[in-house]
Amino acid sequence: MVHPVLARIEGDPAGTKGISIFLVPKYRVNEDGSLGEFNDVHCTGIEHKMGLKGSATCSMSFGDNGNCIGELLGEERKGMAIMFQMMNEARLGMGLQGVSTSSVSYLHALAYCKERIQGKNIKDMMNPDAPNVPIIQHPDVRRMLMWMKTHTEGLRALVYLCAFCLDKAHASSGEEVDKWKGIMEFLIPVCKAYGTDMGFRVTELGIQCFGGYGYCNDYPMNQFMRDLKIASLYEGTNGIQALDLVGRKLGMQKGAVFMNYLSEMNKTYETYKNDPRLADMAKIVKEYIDLLAGMGMYFASCTKEGKFMIPIANAVPFLHLVGNVSLAWMHMWMAGIAQSKLEEIYKAKGISADDKKAIRELPAEDKEVAFYQGKVYGAEYYINNVLPMAKSYAEAIKKEDMSIMKIHDASFACGENL
């Protein structure tokens, strides 16, 4: 067992610039490769957590007896730079954790809503003889499931896109390397923070779909929420991710990275803007791509005007705005591919595009059609119902309200022990 440890060599400068990184083994290794003496590394306590209990978390103590040796990894005072090579991958992994946990929560909720019988169909509410139906037939339950579905699938696509950019950077040469690496680095804090924030919301709605049972241990829904909460805290809290996005990533390469990201979004819009089924959605997405571009320029102007606190105080809302619009882009992209596949299937089955009844009933007997139609309707739902939240983020940010900084510490709450 080997522990990577950040530490400062005696005499090195204060702050992160003086940090080095060391590899500290539990046992030393002899010259011949055999196991040597114990390296004075101790576990001093197991943490008692609200979730993620399958992963042991503990506090460690090094050199209590003055007999612990660590080997310098890389150069002195380069510890933070070396650590961040690992952190990018770890933060993308956190985004994947958000996707994975939200996915399993959504699938459990979906299965439960299909089998739980309660209440009449809203269309038969006045019919005393109408049978009770699975709760998936109730509009509010369908709304929750659609919210869960579209966020889970959108986040999964965004995490895949980030990994794709990393692959593209490795496989490219010249300026293309900088382009794809830049987009990857821009996406890392978004995938980590937005993926875990929205993933947590999905697990919350998963509990809601189960009603009171979701709050009990009869089903695993509360465990999903408890297990995922840590993901917004470790590998850099989501507030830190937002500051990284605003303070470093937004202005990388003098803004070229952000512009490249917007350019990729616009390419998808250009592909589908004239598609009969997708044109309306594409037009809406384009409006929000331009909104995002405008917010980037607005933050740049705030910096030039000395209003640096505006971007900092609104870093989290801006990250959510980026995540919101990015997922709309993902849904537009997925819907475009799905629609072309559907048209191929309809043609092969001899179904006319005007035959609404046949198209509506086909998913019941064809899982491939069900999957692709789900992508198109998912995009329609997200773009029309979730994407508009981006405007509220932008509007609030531009109000430049600094009440969070103006309020005195004593005014947050007044009490004898506060």
Protein backbone atom coordinates (compact mmCIF):
# COMPACT_ATOMS: atom_id res chain seq x y z
CA MET A 1 0.00 0.00 0.00
CA VAL A 2 1.39 3.39 -1.03
CA HIS A 3 0.03 6.80 0.01
CA PRO A 4 0.56 9.93 -2.14
CA VAL A 5 1.11 12.75 0.38
CA LEU A 6 1.31 16.50 -0.18
CA ALA A 7 3.82 18.13 2.16
CA ARG A 8 6.19 21.06 2.38
CA ILE A 9 9.94 20.53 2.51
CA GLU A 10 11.44 22.46 5.39
CA GLY A 11 12.44 25.93 4.23
CA ASP A 12 10.26 25.96 1.12
CA PRO A 13 7.93 28.95 0.61
CA ALA A 14 4.45 29.18 2.10
CA GLY A 15 1.35 28.63 -0.01
CA THR A 16 0.70 26.11 -2.75
CA LYS A 17 3.89 27.05 -4.63
CA GLY A 18 5.94 25.45 -1.86
CA ILE A 19 4.09 22.11 -1.86
CA SER A 20 5.81 18.90 -2.98
CA ILE A 21 4.32 15.41 -3.33
CA PHE A 22 5.73 12.23 -1.83
CA LEU A 23 5.00 8.51 -2.10
CA VAL A 24 4.82 7.03 1.38
CA PRO A 25 4.60 3.21 1.58
CA LYS A 26 3.06 1.34 4.49
CA TYR A 27 6.09 -0.94 4.45
CA ARG A 28 9.50 -0.11 3.05
CA VAL A 29 10.90 -2.18 0.23
CA ASN A 30 14.37 -3.68 0.49
CA GLU A 31 16.96 -3.42 -2.28
CA ASP A 32 16.19 -6.98 -3.39
CA GLY A 33 12.48 -6.17 -3.70
CA SER A 34 11.43 -8.00 -0.55
CA LEU A 35 9.15 -6.43 2.04
CA GLY A 36 11.05 -4.36 4.59
CA GLU A 37 10.26 -2.81 7.95
CA PHE A 38 7.04 -1.00 8.89
CA ASN A 39 7.17 2.66 7.79
CA ASP A 40 5.49 4.26 10.83
CA VAL A 41 2.18 4.86 9.01
CA HIS A 42 -0.92 4.50 11.18
CA CYS A 43 -4.68 4.61 10.71
CA THR A 44 -5.93 6.69 13.62
CA GLY A 45 -9.67 6.39 13.07
CA ILE A 46 -12.48 5.30 10.76
CA GLU A 47 -14.88 8.06 9.73
CA HIS A 48 -18.60 7.49 10.32
CA LYS A 49 -20.34 8.78 7.20
CA MET A 50 -23.93 9.31 6.08
CA GLY A 51 -23.33 7.22 2.96
CA LEU A 52 -20.73 5.56 0.75
CA LYS A 53 -20.17 3.10 3.58
CA GLY A 54 -18.76 0.44 1.27
CA SER A 55 -15.71 2.67 0.84
CA ALA A 56 -13.72 2.91 4.08
CA THR A 57 -12.60 6.45 4.91
CA CYS A 58 -10.04 7.01 7.63
CA SER A 59 -7.61 9.52 9.10
CA MET A 60 -3.90 8.74 8.77
CA SER A 61 -0.88 9.68 10.84
CA PHE A 62 2.64 9.64 9.42
CA GLY A 63 5.81 9.44 11.53
CA ASP A 64 4.39 9.49 15.04
CA ASN A 65 7.54 7.70 16.11
CA GLY A 66 9.87 9.69 13.86
CA ASN A 67 10.50 6.75 11.57
CA CYS A 68 8.50 7.46 8.40
CA ILE A 69 10.20 7.85 5.01
CA GLY A 70 8.60 9.19 1.82
CA GLU A 71 10.08 9.32 -1.67
CA LEU A 72 9.80 12.61 -3.59
CA LEU A 73 7.60 12.23 -6.68
CA GLY A 74 8.77 14.48 -9.50
CA GLU A 75 10.49 17.76 -8.69
CA GLU A 76 10.45 19.75 -5.47
CA ARG A 77 7.62 22.30 -5.16
CA LYS A 78 5.74 20.73 -8.10
CA GLY A 79 3.30 18.82 -5.92
CA MET A 80 0.16 20.72 -6.89
CA ALA A 81 0.88 20.49 -10.61
CA ILE A 82 1.47 16.74 -10.33
CA MET A 83 -1.65 16.28 -8.24
CA PHE A 84 -3.81 18.09 -10.79
CA GLN A 85 -2.78 15.62 -13.48
CA MET A 86 -4.64 13.08 -11.38
CA MET A 87 -7.40 15.49 -10.37
CA ASN A 88 -8.71 16.05 -13.90
CA GLU A 89 -9.34 12.34 -14.29
CA ALA A 90 -10.73 12.10 -10.75
CA ARG A 91 -13.13 15.01 -11.35
CA LEU A 92 -14.36 13.46 -14.56
CA GLY A 93 -14.85 10.30 -12.51
CA MET A 94 -17.02 12.28 -10.11
CA GLY A 95 -19.18 13.36 -13.03
CA LEU A 96 -19.45 9.70 -13.98
CA GLN A 97 -20.39 8.87 -10.39
CA GLY A 98 -23.19 11.41 -10.63
CA VAL A 99 -24.39 9.85 -13.89
CA SER A 100 -24.14 6.29 -12.61
CA THR A 101 -25.99 6.90 -9.35
CA SER A 102 -28.69 9.01 -10.99
CA SER A 103 -29.09 6.31 -13.64
CA VAL A 104 -29.68 3.51 -11.14
CA SER A 105 -32.04 5.75 -9.14
CA TYR A 106 -34.00 6.58 -12.29
CA LEU A 107 -34.26 2.94 -13.39
CA HIS A 108 -35.48 1.82 -9.96
CA ALA A 109 -38.06 4.62 -9.96
CA LEU A 110 -39.18 3.77 -13.48
CA ALA A 111 -39.67 0.09 -12.64
CA TYR A 112 -41.61 0.97 -9.48
CA CYS A 113 -43.86 3.46 -11.27
CA LYS A 114 -44.75 0.84 -13.87
CA GLU A 115 -45.85 -1.69 -11.26
CA ARG A 116 -47.28 0.45 -8.43
CA ILE A 117 -51.08 0.55 -8.79
CA GLN A 118 -52.75 3.60 -7.27
CA GLY A 119 -55.54 5.95 -8.36
CA LYS A 120 -57.56 6.17 -11.54
CA ASN A 121 -56.31 7.54 -14.82
CA ILE A 122 -57.00 11.29 -14.86
CA LYS A 123 -59.22 10.81 -17.94
CA ASP A 124 -61.47 8.45 -15.96
CA MET A 125 -61.62 10.35 -12.68
CA MET A 126 -65.43 10.76 -12.89
CA ASN A 127 -66.03 7.09 -13.69
CA PRO A 128 -66.72 5.16 -10.44
CA ASP A 129 -66.12 1.86 -12.21
CA ALA A 130 -62.75 2.83 -13.67
CA PRO A 131 -59.88 0.61 -12.44
CA ASN A 132 -56.83 1.87 -10.61
CA VAL A 133 -53.77 2.18 -12.84
CA PRO A 134 -49.97 2.11 -12.54
CA ILE A 135 -48.79 5.48 -11.27
CA ILE A 136 -46.70 6.00 -14.43
CA GLN A 137 -49.98 7.01 -16.05
CA HIS A 138 -50.33 10.06 -13.76
CA PRO A 139 -49.05 13.32 -15.30
CA ASP A 140 -46.98 14.49 -12.32
CA VAL A 141 -45.23 11.14 -12.04
CA ARG A 142 -44.45 11.26 -15.76
CA ARG A 143 -43.05 14.76 -15.28
CA MET A 144 -40.69 13.54 -12.56
CA LEU A 145 -39.61 10.55 -14.62
CA MET A 146 -38.97 12.72 -17.68
CA TRP A 147 -36.90 15.15 -15.61
CA MET A 148 -34.85 12.24 -14.28
CA LYS A 149 -34.48 10.64 -17.71
CA THR A 150 -33.38 13.77 -19.54
CA HIS A 151 -30.87 14.83 -16.92
CA THR A 152 -29.38 11.35 -16.61
CA GLU A 153 -29.06 10.89 -20.37
CA GLY A 154 -27.85 14.45 -20.95
CA LEU A 155 -25.20 14.18 -18.24
CA ARG A 156 -24.04 10.83 -19.58
CA ALA A 157 -23.59 12.35 -23.03
CA LEU A 158 -21.67 15.31 -21.57
CA VAL A 159 -19.28 13.03 -19.66
CA TYR A 160 -18.75 10.99 -22.83
CA LEU A 161 -18.08 14.19 -24.77
CA CYS A 162 -15.41 15.21 -22.25
CA ALA A 163 -13.72 11.80 -22.56
CA PHE A 164 -14.03 12.07 -26.36
CA CYS A 165 -12.22 15.42 -26.27
CA LEU A 166 -9.40 13.81 -24.29
CA ASP A 167 -9.13 11.06 -26.92
CA LYS A 168 -9.17 13.64 -29.70
CA ALA A 169 -6.35 15.57 -28.02
CA HIS A 170 -4.24 12.39 -27.86
CA ALA A 171 -5.02 11.47 -31.47
CA SER A 172 -4.54 14.94 -32.99
CA SER A 173 -1.56 17.08 -33.86
CA GLY A 174 -0.73 20.77 -34.02
CA GLU A 175 -3.44 23.27 -33.10
CA GLU A 176 -6.05 20.52 -32.86
CA VAL A 177 -4.35 19.21 -29.72
CA ASP A 178 -4.76 22.56 -27.98
CA LYS A 179 -8.34 22.86 -29.19
CA TRP A 180 -9.57 19.50 -27.87
CA LYS A 181 -7.49 19.60 -24.71
CA GLY A 182 -8.87 23.07 -24.01
CA ILE A 183 -12.50 21.96 -24.44
CA MET A 184 -11.80 18.96 -22.21
CA GLU A 185 -10.37 21.20 -19.47
CA PHE A 186 -13.33 23.59 -19.84
CA LEU A 187 -15.76 20.70 -19.40
CA ILE A 188 -14.07 19.06 -16.40
CA PRO A 189 -15.55 21.40 -13.72
CA VAL A 190 -18.94 21.35 -15.48
CA CYS A 191 -19.07 17.54 -15.61
CA LYS A 192 -17.95 17.26 -11.99
CA ALA A 193 -20.15 19.94 -10.45
CA TYR A 194 -23.24 19.94 -12.66
CA GLY A 195 -23.11 16.16 -12.96
CA THR A 196 -23.15 15.67 -9.20
CA ASP A 197 -25.57 18.51 -8.40
CA MET A 198 -28.15 17.34 -10.92
CA GLY A 199 -27.41 13.69 -10.19
CA PHE A 200 -28.28 14.37 -6.55
CA ARG A 201 -31.54 16.03 -7.66
CA VAL A 202 -32.35 12.91 -9.67
CA THR A 203 -31.89 10.70 -6.59
CA GLU A 204 -34.14 13.07 -4.64
CA LEU A 205 -36.87 12.73 -7.26
CA GLY A 206 -36.33 8.99 -7.23
CA ILE A 207 -37.37 8.97 -3.57
CA GLN A 208 -40.36 11.17 -4.44
CA CYS A 209 -41.56 8.67 -7.06
CA PHE A 210 -41.71 5.99 -4.37
CA GLY A 211 -43.71 8.17 -1.99
CA GLY A 212 -43.30 7.20 1.67
CA TYR A 213 -41.62 3.94 0.70
CA GLY A 214 -38.75 5.96 -0.74
CA TYR A 215 -38.03 7.31 2.73
CA CYS A 216 -37.85 3.81 4.22
CA ASN A 217 -35.15 1.19 3.95
CA ASP A 218 -37.47 -1.28 2.21
CA TYR A 219 -36.06 0.11 -1.05
CA PRO A 220 -32.54 1.42 -1.80
CA MET A 221 -33.63 4.89 -2.92
CA ASN A 222 -32.44 6.79 0.14
CA GLN A 223 -29.07 5.01 -0.07
CA PHE A 224 -28.54 6.31 -3.61
CA MET A 225 -29.06 9.87 -2.38
CA ARG A 226 -26.83 9.42 0.67
CA ASP A 227 -24.07 7.77 -1.37
CA LEU A 228 -24.06 10.50 -4.00
CA LYS A 229 -23.96 13.50 -1.67
CA ILE A 230 -20.21 13.11 -1.14
CA ALA A 231 -19.58 13.62 -4.86
CA SER A 232 -20.32 17.35 -4.62
CA LEU A 233 -17.84 17.63 -1.75
CA TYR A 234 -14.71 15.64 -2.51
CA GLU A 235 -12.18 16.13 -5.33
CA GLY A 236 -12.83 19.86 -4.85
CA THR A 237 -16.26 21.08 -3.75
CA ASN A 238 -18.66 22.17 -6.47
CA GLY A 239 -18.19 25.77 -5.41
CA ILE A 240 -14.47 25.39 -6.11
CA GLN A 241 -15.29 23.86 -9.51
CA ALA A 242 -17.38 26.92 -10.34
CA LEU A 243 -14.53 29.26 -9.36
CA ASP A 244 -12.18 27.20 -11.52
CA LEU A 245 -14.58 27.55 -14.46
CA VAL A 246 -14.98 31.30 -14.06
CA GLY A 247 -11.51 32.19 -12.85
CA ARG A 248 -9.37 29.96 -15.09
CA LYS A 249 -11.23 28.04 -17.79
CA LEU A 250 -13.42 30.82 -19.19
CA GLY A 251 -10.40 32.97 -20.08
CA MET A 252 -8.06 30.16 -21.18
CA GLN A 253 -6.08 30.95 -24.33
CA LYS A 254 -7.53 34.47 -24.23
CA GLY A 255 -11.05 33.13 -24.52
CA ALA A 256 -10.31 30.84 -27.48
CA VAL A 257 -11.29 27.70 -25.55
CA PHE A 258 -14.73 29.09 -24.75
CA MET A 259 -15.18 30.21 -28.35
CA ASN A 260 -14.18 26.74 -29.61
CA TYR A 261 -16.78 25.22 -27.32
CA LEU A 262 -19.49 27.53 -28.63
CA SER A 263 -18.37 26.75 -32.18
CA GLU A 264 -18.94 23.03 -31.64
CA MET A 265 -22.43 23.81 -30.34
CA ASN A 266 -23.20 25.92 -33.38
CA LYS A 267 -22.09 23.13 -35.71
CA THR A 268 -24.85 20.93 -34.29
CA TYR A 269 -27.38 23.72 -34.76
CA GLU A 270 -26.32 24.17 -38.40
CA THR A 271 -26.76 20.42 -38.98
CA TYR A 272 -30.37 20.29 -37.79
CA LYS A 273 -31.75 23.80 -38.22
CA ASN A 274 -33.66 22.83 -41.39
CA ASP A 275 -34.83 19.38 -40.26
CA PRO A 276 -38.68 19.36 -40.33
CA ARG A 277 -38.96 17.49 -37.02
CA LEU A 278 -36.12 19.28 -35.21
CA ALA A 279 -36.04 22.82 -36.62
CA ASP A 280 -38.14 24.37 -33.85
CA MET A 281 -35.99 22.80 -31.15
CA ALA A 282 -32.81 23.80 -32.95
CA LYS A 283 -33.97 27.40 -33.12
CA ILE A 284 -34.54 27.47 -29.34
CA VAL A 285 -31.16 25.87 -28.62
CA LYS A 286 -29.46 28.45 -30.85
CA GLU A 287 -31.06 31.23 -28.81
CA TYR A 288 -29.51 29.82 -25.65
CA ILE A 289 -26.12 29.21 -27.23
CA ASP A 290 -26.09 32.93 -28.00
CA LEU A 291 -27.23 33.65 -24.44
CA LEU A 292 -24.28 31.65 -23.09
CA ALA A 293 -21.88 33.46 -25.42
CA GLY A 294 -23.26 36.79 -24.22
CA MET A 295 -22.77 35.84 -20.57
CA GLY A 296 -19.12 35.00 -21.27
CA MET A 297 -18.66 38.45 -22.80
CA TYR A 298 -20.50 40.02 -19.88
CA PHE A 299 -18.12 38.42 -17.37
CA ALA A 300 -15.17 39.63 -19.45
CA SER A 301 -16.56 43.19 -19.34
CA CYS A 302 -17.03 42.92 -15.56
CA THR A 303 -13.34 42.09 -15.21
CA LYS A 304 -12.30 45.03 -17.39
CA GLU A 305 -14.52 47.39 -15.39
CA GLY A 306 -13.09 46.23 -12.08
CA LYS A 307 -16.29 44.45 -11.03
CA PHE A 308 -14.41 41.22 -10.41
CA MET A 309 -16.71 40.23 -7.54
CA ILE A 310 -19.69 39.80 -9.92
CA PRO A 311 -18.25 36.69 -11.68
CA ILE A 312 -16.89 35.30 -8.40
CA ALA A 313 -20.14 35.69 -6.44
CA ASN A 314 -22.10 34.21 -9.36
CA ALA A 315 -19.71 31.42 -10.24
CA VAL A 316 -22.11 28.62 -9.26
CA PRO A 317 -25.14 30.11 -11.10
CA PHE A 318 -22.92 30.57 -14.17
CA LEU A 319 -21.72 26.96 -14.00
CA HIS A 320 -25.34 25.82 -13.80
CA LEU A 321 -26.12 28.00 -16.80
CA VAL A 322 -23.28 26.35 -18.74
CA GLY A 323 -24.48 22.90 -17.67
CA ASN A 324 -28.08 23.68 -18.54
CA VAL A 325 -27.25 24.87 -22.06
CA SER A 326 -24.70 22.10 -22.60
CA LEU A 327 -27.29 19.43 -21.85
CA ALA A 328 -29.67 21.06 -24.32
CA TRP A 329 -26.90 20.79 -26.92
CA MET A 330 -26.44 17.10 -26.05
CA HIS A 331 -30.16 16.47 -26.41
CA MET A 332 -30.29 18.29 -29.74
CA TRP A 333 -27.39 16.18 -30.98
CA MET A 334 -28.90 12.90 -29.73
CA ALA A 335 -32.32 13.75 -31.12
CA GLY A 336 -30.82 14.48 -34.52
CA ILE A 337 -29.19 11.06 -34.71
CA ALA A 338 -32.27 9.35 -33.30
CA GLN A 339 -34.61 11.03 -35.79
CA SER A 340 -32.53 9.88 -38.77
CA LYS A 341 -32.58 6.33 -37.39
CA LEU A 342 -36.34 6.48 -36.91
CA GLU A 343 -36.87 7.62 -40.48
CA GLU A 344 -34.83 4.64 -41.71
CA ILE A 345 -36.90 2.25 -39.59
CA TYR A 346 -40.24 3.75 -40.67
CA LYS A 347 -39.20 3.48 -44.30
CA ALA A 348 -38.11 -0.13 -43.89
CA LYS A 349 -41.44 -1.00 -42.25
CA GLY A 350 -43.44 0.87 -44.88
CA ILE A 351 -44.83 3.40 -42.38
CA SER A 352 -45.59 6.86 -43.71
CA ALA A 353 -44.41 9.90 -41.77
CA ASP A 354 -48.06 11.04 -41.73
CA ASP A 355 -49.28 7.85 -40.08
CA LYS A 356 -49.31 9.21 -36.54
CA LYS A 357 -51.24 6.26 -35.11
CA ALA A 358 -48.77 3.65 -36.38
CA ILE A 359 -45.79 5.71 -35.23
CA ARG A 360 -47.34 6.17 -31.77
CA GLU A 361 -48.06 2.45 -31.32
CA LEU A 362 -44.79 1.11 -32.75
CA PRO A 363 -42.66 1.48 -29.57
CA ALA A 364 -44.82 -1.13 -27.82
CA GLU A 365 -43.52 -3.81 -30.20
CA ASP A 366 -40.12 -2.45 -31.26
CA LYS A 367 -37.57 -1.62 -28.55
CA GLU A 368 -35.29 0.15 -31.00
CA VAL A 369 -38.08 2.52 -31.99
CA ALA A 370 -38.93 3.01 -28.31
CA PHE A 371 -35.32 3.97 -27.60
CA TYR A 372 -35.04 6.46 -30.46
CA GLN A 373 -38.45 8.01 -29.87
CA GLY A 374 -37.43 8.42 -26.23
CA LYS A 375 -34.42 10.46 -27.36
CA VAL A 376 -36.52 12.76 -29.52
CA TYR A 377 -39.28 13.30 -26.94
CA GLY A 378 -36.63 13.68 -24.24
CA ALA A 379 -35.00 16.48 -26.22
CA GLU A 380 -38.38 18.10 -26.77
CA TYR A 381 -39.13 18.02 -23.04
CA TYR A 382 -35.73 19.27 -21.91
CA ILE A 383 -35.48 22.09 -24.45
CA ASN A 384 -39.00 23.35 -23.78
CA ASN A 385 -39.19 22.82 -20.02
CA VAL A 386 -35.70 22.78 -18.50
CA LEU A 387 -33.57 24.92 -20.79
CA PRO A 388 -35.56 28.13 -20.04
CA MET A 389 -34.00 28.07 -16.55
CA ALA A 390 -30.86 29.44 -18.21
CA LYS A 391 -32.60 32.78 -18.73
CA SER A 392 -33.33 33.10 -15.03
CA TYR A 393 -29.66 32.47 -14.21
CA ALA A 394 -28.56 35.11 -16.71
CA GLU A 395 -31.15 37.64 -15.55
CA ALA A 396 -30.20 37.20 -11.90
CA ILE A 397 -26.47 37.49 -12.60
CA LYS A 398 -26.91 40.68 -14.60
CA LYS A 399 -28.76 42.35 -11.73
CA GLU A 400 -25.31 42.56 -10.10
CA ASP A 401 -26.87 42.18 -6.68
CA MET A 402 -24.16 42.02 -3.99
CA SER A 403 -26.39 41.56 -0.94
CA ILE A 404 -24.49 38.37 -0.05
CA MET A 405 -21.35 40.47 0.45
CA LYS A 406 -23.07 43.52 1.99
CA ILE A 407 -24.78 41.68 4.81
CA HIS A 408 -22.82 41.74 8.08
CA ASP A 409 -21.85 38.38 9.57
CA ALA A 410 -23.91 39.22 12.66
CA SER A 411 -27.02 39.71 10.53
CA PHE A 412 -27.26 36.17 9.20
CA ALA A 413 -28.90 35.11 12.45
CA CYS A 414 -29.26 36.74 15.82
CA GLY A 415 -29.06 34.57 18.89
CA GLU A 416 -27.13 34.17 22.07
CA ASN A 417 -24.82 31.48 20.65
CA LEU A 418 -24.56 32.79 17.08
